[in-house]
Amino acid sequence: MANTIEQGALAQLFTEARTHNSWQEKPVSDDQLKQIYELFKFAPTSVNCNPAKILFVKSPQEKARLVACVNPGNVEKTRTAPVTAIIGMDMDFYENLPRLFPHVDAKSWFVGKEGFIESTAFRNSSLQGAYLIMAVRALGLDCGAMSGFDADKINTEFFPNGRVKVNFLLNIGYGNSASLMPRHPRPSFDEACKIL
């Protein structure tokens, strides 16, 4: 892991990548979604907890259910995206730790500690959602993350057992670059960072 990846890959993942809000009428296959998962599943989470549960919403019927849960400004981009991923967080993730992190009793660190469970699930499913974005981009697709939705409605519609809760949404497809706004500025290193 000592080699820097080439500039074209860095551009595709970071410097030239954009958040897309409109989409070409080009499908994303189930095989592509499986490839995305097989790539991002190896990225790290604390104690290998992997709390993210991803629902890839594609069918018109399921899209209609999802569109009814998003804010008005997110309706059209969600409706027209080939896929919308619902990134959920499994609040019982620690039940899998004996298998995923078997060399210590990590499950016991979480049992009965609701605040610790919630913060760990949120932090790590957010990380996994970011890894999902990188995997989508790495495989030549575009995406747009969203947080404008009614979480209670999504949880009721898509996670009715109460074990999983929505974190955020990610539209996936082939973006329509003609609709992109100019790139917005980012904070400078000195504004955002300090070396101690």
Protein backbone atom coordinates (compact mmCIF):
# COMPACT_ATOMS: atom_id res chain seq x y z
CA MET A 1 0.00 0.00 0.00
CA ALA A 2 2.97 2.32 -0.46
CA ASN A 3 2.13 3.64 -3.93
CA THR A 4 0.25 6.87 -4.65
CA ILE A 5 -2.56 6.26 -7.13
CA GLU A 6 -2.35 8.07 -10.45
CA GLN A 7 -3.77 11.55 -10.96
CA GLY A 8 -6.69 10.39 -13.10
CA ALA A 9 -7.93 8.18 -10.27
CA LEU A 10 -7.53 11.01 -7.74
CA ALA A 11 -9.53 13.28 -10.05
CA GLN A 12 -12.29 10.67 -10.43
CA LEU A 13 -12.56 10.14 -6.68
CA PHE A 14 -11.97 13.67 -5.39
CA THR A 15 -10.84 16.70 -7.36
CA GLU A 16 -13.15 16.38 -10.39
CA ALA A 17 -15.96 14.39 -8.75
CA ARG A 18 -19.20 16.25 -8.22
CA THR A 19 -22.46 15.82 -6.33
CA HIS A 20 -25.12 15.12 -8.95
CA ASN A 21 -28.78 16.08 -8.74
CA SER A 22 -30.00 15.12 -12.21
CA TRP A 23 -29.50 11.90 -14.08
CA GLN A 24 -29.13 10.38 -17.50
CA GLU A 25 -31.71 7.74 -18.41
CA LYS A 26 -29.15 4.98 -18.11
CA PRO A 27 -29.73 2.05 -15.76
CA VAL A 28 -27.48 0.78 -12.99
CA SER A 29 -27.42 -3.01 -12.91
CA ASP A 30 -27.70 -5.26 -9.88
CA ASP A 31 -24.24 -6.58 -10.75
CA GLN A 32 -22.84 -3.03 -10.50
CA LEU A 33 -24.41 -2.62 -7.06
CA LYS A 34 -22.86 -5.91 -5.96
CA GLN A 35 -19.47 -4.77 -7.27
CA ILE A 36 -19.83 -1.53 -5.29
CA TYR A 37 -20.51 -3.48 -2.10
CA GLU A 38 -17.64 -5.91 -2.72
CA LEU A 39 -15.31 -2.93 -2.99
CA PHE A 40 -16.38 -0.79 -0.04
CA LYS A 41 -16.96 -3.63 2.45
CA PHE A 42 -13.22 -3.81 3.14
CA ALA A 43 -12.93 -0.24 4.43
CA PRO A 44 -12.39 0.10 8.20
CA THR A 45 -14.92 0.54 10.97
CA SER A 46 -14.23 0.52 14.71
CA VAL A 47 -13.89 -3.05 16.02
CA ASN A 48 -14.99 -4.15 12.52
CA CYS A 49 -18.55 -3.40 13.65
CA ASN A 50 -19.97 -2.73 10.15
CA PRO A 51 -23.34 -1.34 11.29
CA ALA A 52 -24.44 -0.09 7.86
CA LYS A 53 -27.39 -1.76 6.20
CA ILE A 54 -27.95 -0.61 2.63
CA LEU A 55 -31.24 -0.76 0.76
CA PHE A 56 -30.74 -0.12 -2.96
CA VAL A 57 -34.12 1.21 -4.09
CA LYS A 58 -34.68 0.72 -7.84
CA SER A 59 -38.20 -0.39 -8.70
CA PRO A 60 -40.87 2.23 -9.48
CA GLN A 61 -43.08 0.93 -6.67
CA GLU A 62 -40.34 1.18 -4.03
CA LYS A 63 -39.18 4.53 -5.42
CA ALA A 64 -42.74 5.87 -4.98
CA ARG A 65 -42.69 4.78 -1.33
CA LEU A 66 -39.33 6.51 -0.84
CA VAL A 67 -40.27 9.71 -2.69
CA ALA A 68 -43.19 10.10 -0.28
CA CYS A 69 -40.63 10.35 2.55
CA VAL A 70 -38.26 12.99 1.13
CA ASN A 71 -38.44 16.78 1.33
CA PRO A 72 -39.96 18.57 -1.71
CA GLY A 73 -36.54 19.72 -2.97
CA ASN A 74 -35.34 16.10 -3.14
CA VAL A 75 -38.36 14.56 -4.85
CA GLU A 76 -37.37 14.90 -8.52
CA LYS A 77 -33.73 13.93 -8.11
CA THR A 78 -34.73 10.88 -6.08
CA ARG A 79 -37.51 9.89 -8.47
CA THR A 80 -35.25 10.12 -11.54
CA ALA A 81 -32.09 8.56 -10.10
CA PRO A 82 -31.63 4.99 -11.32
CA VAL A 83 -30.93 3.90 -7.72
CA THR A 84 -31.32 5.50 -4.33
CA ALA A 85 -29.38 3.85 -1.52
CA ILE A 86 -30.86 4.13 1.93
CA ILE A 87 -27.90 3.93 4.29
CA GLY A 88 -29.23 2.56 7.53
CA MET A 89 -27.55 1.83 10.83
CA ASP A 90 -28.16 -1.46 12.61
CA MET A 91 -28.64 -0.68 16.29
CA ASP A 92 -27.98 -4.36 17.12
CA PHE A 93 -24.64 -4.40 15.27
CA TYR A 94 -22.82 -5.57 18.40
CA GLU A 95 -24.61 -8.94 18.18
CA ASN A 96 -22.35 -9.71 15.19
CA LEU A 97 -19.09 -8.84 16.94
CA PRO A 98 -18.33 -12.41 18.11
CA ARG A 99 -18.06 -13.30 14.40
CA LEU A 100 -16.65 -10.02 13.02
CA PHE A 101 -14.16 -9.28 15.84
CA PRO A 102 -13.63 -12.68 17.47
CA HIS A 103 -10.34 -12.21 19.32
CA VAL A 104 -11.91 -10.28 22.24
CA ASP A 105 -15.37 -10.08 23.79
CA ALA A 106 -16.22 -6.75 22.12
CA LYS A 107 -19.96 -7.43 22.32
CA SER A 108 -19.82 -6.94 26.09
CA TRP A 109 -18.54 -3.38 25.57
CA PHE A 110 -21.93 -2.41 24.13
CA VAL A 111 -24.61 -4.48 25.86
CA GLY A 112 -26.94 -2.18 27.81
CA LYS A 113 -25.09 1.02 26.78
CA GLU A 114 -27.61 2.73 24.51
CA GLY A 115 -25.67 5.97 24.11
CA PHE A 116 -22.49 4.13 23.16
CA ILE A 117 -24.43 1.89 20.75
CA GLU A 118 -26.07 4.87 19.07
CA SER A 119 -22.90 6.95 18.70
CA THR A 120 -20.93 3.96 17.39
CA ALA A 121 -23.65 2.99 14.92
CA PHE A 122 -24.01 6.56 13.66
CA ARG A 123 -20.29 7.25 13.34
CA ASN A 124 -19.44 4.00 11.62
CA SER A 125 -22.46 3.85 9.29
CA SER A 126 -21.57 7.42 8.26
CA LEU A 127 -18.05 6.23 7.49
CA GLN A 128 -19.45 3.32 5.51
CA GLY A 129 -21.69 5.70 3.58
CA ALA A 130 -18.62 7.76 2.67
CA TYR A 131 -16.83 4.60 1.56
CA LEU A 132 -19.91 3.80 -0.53
CA ILE A 133 -19.54 7.17 -2.27
CA MET A 134 -15.88 6.42 -3.06
CA ALA A 135 -16.74 2.94 -4.39
CA VAL A 136 -19.51 4.37 -6.60
CA ARG A 137 -17.09 6.90 -8.04
CA ALA A 138 -14.29 4.35 -8.40
CA LEU A 139 -16.54 2.18 -10.56
CA GLY A 140 -17.40 5.04 -12.92
CA LEU A 141 -20.78 6.07 -11.54
CA ASP A 142 -21.93 9.35 -10.03
CA CYS A 143 -23.84 10.02 -6.83
CA GLY A 144 -25.50 12.64 -4.70
CA ALA A 145 -25.92 12.36 -0.94
CA MET A 146 -29.06 13.72 0.73
CA SER A 147 -30.24 14.41 4.24
CA GLY A 148 -33.56 16.09 3.44
CA PHE A 149 -36.11 13.47 4.42
CA ASP A 150 -38.52 12.42 7.16
CA ALA A 151 -36.53 9.84 9.11
CA ASP A 152 -39.57 8.52 10.98
CA LYS A 153 -41.40 7.88 7.70
CA ILE A 154 -38.41 6.11 6.15
CA ASN A 155 -37.92 3.98 9.26
CA THR A 156 -41.60 3.04 9.28
CA GLU A 157 -41.69 2.26 5.55
CA PHE A 158 -38.35 0.52 5.09
CA PHE A 159 -37.13 -0.60 8.54
CA PRO A 160 -40.35 -1.53 10.35
CA ASN A 161 -38.71 -3.91 12.84
CA GLY A 162 -37.05 -0.93 14.58
CA ARG A 163 -33.63 -2.56 14.58
CA VAL A 164 -32.28 -0.43 11.72
CA LYS A 165 -32.60 3.37 11.47
CA VAL A 166 -31.91 5.56 8.46
CA ASN A 167 -28.72 7.62 8.44
CA PHE A 168 -28.78 9.27 4.99
CA LEU A 169 -29.71 8.72 1.34
CA LEU A 170 -27.46 8.45 -1.71
CA ASN A 171 -28.70 8.74 -5.29
CA ILE A 172 -26.61 6.66 -7.71
CA GLY A 173 -26.44 6.69 -11.48
CA TYR A 174 -24.85 8.46 -14.41
CA GLY A 175 -25.04 12.14 -13.69
CA ASN A 176 -26.20 14.79 -16.12
CA SER A 177 -23.18 17.10 -16.08
CA ALA A 178 -25.03 19.83 -17.98
CA SER A 179 -27.06 20.61 -14.86
CA LEU A 180 -24.10 21.03 -12.51
CA MET A 181 -23.54 24.38 -10.81
CA PRO A 182 -20.01 25.77 -10.64
CA ARG A 183 -18.00 24.10 -7.90
CA HIS A 184 -18.34 25.87 -4.57
CA PRO A 185 -15.24 26.88 -2.60
CA ARG A 186 -13.78 24.79 0.19
CA PRO A 187 -11.99 26.00 3.32
CA SER A 188 -8.23 26.35 2.95
CA PHE A 189 -5.85 24.09 4.86
CA ASP A 190 -5.15 26.87 7.36
CA GLU A 191 -8.86 27.47 7.91
CA ALA A 192 -9.66 23.81 8.52
CA CYS A 193 -6.49 22.28 9.91
CA LYS A 194 -3.73 22.76 12.43
CA ILE A 195 -0.55 20.75 12.78
CA LEU A 196 0.37 20.29 16.44
